Structures are given as C-alpha cells and as structure tokens.
Amino acid sequence: MNETTIVFVATIAGIGLVGSSFLYSMGGRSKKVIRRVGASLVLTLTVLGTGYLMGRGNLYVLAIFPMLFIGYCLPYGAEKILTKIGKRFVYASAVIFAGVIICAIYKGNTWWLLIPHFGIGMFSIFFGVKNPLYAAAEEFFVSMVLNLVLISYVFVV
C-alpha cells in the first residue's frame, strides 16, 4: 500500500475518532445512550473499517464493542478524590483492555503500543481528576487522547 493511501486511511480513522469523541461528550450532557452505544459503536466500526482498508480486516475486532460500552457506561464524576480516581481507572482500563483485544487479534508489534496506551490511560485519570477545563471539553479531549492509540493499532507494521 502506498503512503498516500495510508494517509487517507489514517484521516478516515481520525474522522471516526472525532465523531466518536463528539458522541461521547454529547452523551455526557443528556441521553446516555448516545455515549454508551453511539460513541462505542462508532469507535468500534472505525477500528474495524480501518483494518479492512489497511488489508487487515478481522471481524473479531467487534469484540472491543462490549469493553468500550462498559467503559462508557460508568459515570466518572464524584466528590471524593479516591472515588473519582477509581471510576476513571475503570474507564481507562476498559479502553486499554480493548487495545489488548486488538493486540491479541493482530499480534506482532502491536503489543508495543500497549506501553504508550497504558501511559495515556494513566494520564487520562490525572487529567480527569485535576480537570482545568470545562467538563464538556474535557470529556471530548480525554476521549480523543485515550482512543487515539486504539485507532492506531491497525497501522502497525
């Protein structure tokens, strides 16, 4: 596959990530089904479709949907700092475990991406707890950052 095609596929994956993050943030405002089903489905289909476009399509990627759904169901706001950290940890762990599923499917060098994925997950916990942003913007950006690695796995050589 030539590099120009890879850039177009990466752009499509990025658009899917933005769409999923938008739905994640909007679902935090009202109608939780938008976050739980909409955002997790868009992200799952983005990873699946990107895999097919890269010639690595595998329907087992659909197994990440339940993990994302579980992570997106948990309300992570709290008054007590330890409760907030715990809820954020569950959310980040669900997304990281979705990455583990993808690594198990694609094998090879994809396992190397778990290192930054875990680090980004821990950062998302810190970012969420020491939140200097409006909640709506923070939700969008945490979703973008945490799921960026998730859409990257299919690009590993």
Protein backbone atom coordinates (compact mmCIF):
# COMPACT_ATOMS: atom_id res chain seq x y z
CA MET A 1 0.00 0.00 0.00
CA ASN A 2 1.43 3.38 -0.92
CA GLU A 3 1.95 6.17 1.59
CA THR A 4 -0.69 8.46 0.11
CA THR A 5 -3.33 5.78 0.59
CA ILE A 6 -2.18 5.26 4.17
CA VAL A 7 -2.57 9.00 4.83
CA PHE A 8 -6.14 8.89 3.50
CA VAL A 9 -6.98 5.83 5.62
CA ALA A 10 -5.44 7.47 8.71
CA THR A 11 -7.52 10.59 8.02
CA ILE A 12 -10.68 8.49 7.79
CA ALA A 13 -9.76 6.86 11.11
CA GLY A 14 -9.19 10.31 12.61
CA ILE A 15 -12.60 11.47 11.44
CA GLY A 16 -14.15 8.39 13.06
CA LEU A 17 -12.28 9.19 16.28
CA VAL A 18 -13.56 12.78 16.26
CA GLY A 19 -17.11 11.52 15.64
CA SER A 20 -16.87 9.04 18.48
CA SER A 21 -15.42 11.66 20.83
CA PHE A 22 -18.20 14.08 19.87
CA LEU A 23 -20.84 11.47 20.70
CA TYR A 24 -19.03 10.61 23.93
CA SER A 25 -19.09 14.22 25.05
CA MET A 26 -22.66 14.84 23.89
CA GLY A 27 -23.80 11.71 25.73
CA GLY A 28 -22.36 13.22 28.89
CA ARG A 29 -24.85 16.07 28.61
CA SER A 30 -28.03 14.05 28.11
CA LYS A 31 -29.30 10.79 26.65
CA LYS A 32 -26.58 8.47 27.91
CA VAL A 33 -27.37 6.03 25.09
CA ILE A 34 -25.53 8.42 22.76
CA ARG A 35 -22.34 7.85 24.75
CA ARG A 36 -22.80 4.21 25.63
CA VAL A 37 -23.96 2.84 22.30
CA GLY A 38 -23.31 5.60 19.77
CA ALA A 39 -19.73 6.52 20.70
CA SER A 40 -18.63 2.95 21.35
CA LEU A 41 -20.22 1.70 18.11
CA VAL A 42 -18.67 4.49 16.00
CA LEU A 43 -15.25 3.80 17.50
CA THR A 44 -15.59 0.03 17.03
CA LEU A 45 -16.68 0.46 13.41
CA THR A 46 -13.84 2.93 12.85
CA VAL A 47 -11.26 0.39 14.03
CA LEU A 48 -12.95 -2.40 12.07
CA GLY A 49 -13.27 -0.35 8.87
CA THR A 50 -9.75 0.99 9.14
CA GLY A 51 -8.49 -2.57 9.48
CA TYR A 52 -10.29 -3.57 6.29
CA LEU A 53 -8.98 -0.53 4.43
CA MET A 54 -5.45 -1.42 5.56
CA GLY A 55 -5.90 -5.01 4.37
CA ARG A 56 -6.04 -6.34 7.94
CA GLY A 57 -9.77 -6.67 8.38
CA ASN A 58 -10.94 -9.04 11.06
CA LEU A 59 -14.46 -9.36 12.41
CA TYR A 60 -13.08 -10.32 15.83
CA VAL A 61 -12.41 -6.60 16.27
CA LEU A 62 -16.12 -6.34 17.09
CA ALA A 63 -15.14 -7.84 20.47
CA ILE A 64 -13.94 -4.40 21.55
CA PHE A 65 -17.50 -3.06 21.48
CA PRO A 66 -18.53 -4.60 24.85
CA MET A 67 -15.38 -3.26 26.51
CA LEU A 68 -15.99 0.25 25.21
CA PHE A 69 -19.66 0.02 26.13
CA ILE A 70 -18.76 -0.99 29.71
CA GLY A 71 -16.23 1.82 29.99
CA TYR A 72 -18.66 4.37 28.62
CA CYS A 73 -21.47 3.29 30.97
CA LEU A 74 -19.65 4.28 34.11
CA PRO A 75 -20.34 7.80 35.30
CA TYR A 76 -16.95 9.03 36.42
CA GLY A 77 -17.86 12.15 38.32
CA ALA A 78 -17.53 12.07 42.09
CA GLU A 79 -16.99 14.35 45.07
CA LYS A 80 -14.32 12.24 46.80
CA ILE A 81 -10.95 12.11 45.06
CA LEU A 82 -10.41 8.35 45.56
CA THR A 83 -13.84 7.56 44.15
CA LYS A 84 -13.14 9.77 41.15
CA ILE A 85 -9.76 8.08 40.59
CA GLY A 86 -11.36 4.64 40.87
CA LYS A 87 -14.08 5.42 38.34
CA ARG A 88 -11.58 6.96 35.92
CA PHE A 89 -9.38 3.90 36.34
CA VAL A 90 -12.24 1.60 35.31
CA TYR A 91 -12.93 3.75 32.24
CA ALA A 92 -9.27 3.86 31.19
CA SER A 93 -8.85 0.14 31.88
CA ALA A 94 -11.80 -0.74 29.66
CA VAL A 95 -10.32 1.20 26.74
CA ILE A 96 -6.85 -0.25 27.35
CA PHE A 97 -8.32 -3.76 27.52
CA ALA A 98 -9.94 -3.08 24.14
CA GLY A 99 -6.36 -2.46 22.98
CA VAL A 100 -5.30 -5.80 24.47
CA ILE A 101 -8.06 -7.48 22.46
CA ILE A 102 -6.79 -5.85 19.28
CA CYS A 103 -3.22 -6.91 20.10
CA ALA A 104 -4.40 -10.49 20.57
CA ILE A 105 -6.07 -10.34 17.16
CA TYR A 106 -3.27 -8.69 15.17
CA LYS A 107 -0.29 -9.94 17.22
CA GLY A 108 3.21 -8.93 16.14
CA ASN A 109 4.42 -5.44 17.01
CA THR A 110 1.00 -4.20 18.11
CA TRP A 111 1.93 -5.17 21.67
CA TRP A 112 4.44 -2.30 21.72
CA LEU A 113 1.57 0.18 21.51
CA LEU A 114 0.22 -1.03 24.85
CA ILE A 115 3.05 0.78 26.61
CA PRO A 116 2.01 4.28 25.48
CA HIS A 117 -1.66 3.25 25.62
CA PHE A 118 -1.26 2.41 29.31
CA GLY A 119 0.65 5.66 29.92
CA ILE A 120 -2.04 7.69 28.17
CA GLY A 121 -4.66 5.86 30.23
CA MET A 122 -2.92 6.90 33.43
CA PHE A 123 -2.62 10.46 32.11
CA SER A 124 -6.35 10.50 31.37
CA ILE A 125 -7.01 9.65 35.03
CA PHE A 126 -4.81 12.52 36.18
CA PHE A 127 -6.31 14.86 33.58
CA GLY A 128 -9.83 13.96 34.67
CA VAL A 129 -9.11 14.39 38.37
CA LYS A 130 -7.15 17.65 38.06
CA ASN A 131 -9.51 18.98 35.45
CA PRO A 132 -8.71 22.58 34.45
CA LEU A 133 -11.25 22.55 31.58
CA TYR A 134 -14.98 22.79 31.21
CA ALA A 135 -16.38 19.27 31.70
CA ALA A 136 -17.77 19.07 28.17
CA ALA A 137 -14.42 19.92 26.59
CA GLU A 138 -12.54 17.65 28.99
CA GLU A 139 -14.74 14.68 28.07
CA PHE A 140 -14.12 15.27 24.37
CA PHE A 141 -10.35 15.60 24.78
CA VAL A 142 -9.97 12.64 27.14
CA SER A 143 -11.91 10.51 24.67
CA MET A 144 -9.71 11.72 21.82
CA VAL A 145 -6.42 11.13 23.64
CA LEU A 146 -7.34 7.79 25.20
CA ASN A 147 -8.74 6.36 21.97
CA LEU A 148 -6.04 7.71 19.65
CA VAL A 149 -3.89 4.65 20.28
CA LEU A 150 -6.92 2.40 19.79
CA ILE A 151 -7.33 3.54 16.18
CA SER A 152 -3.56 3.28 15.66
CA TYR A 153 -3.16 -0.46 16.24
CA VAL A 154 -4.15 -1.40 12.68
CA PHE A 155 -1.36 0.79 11.27
CA VAL A 156 1.41 -1.18 12.98
CA VAL A 157 3.74 -2.89 10.52
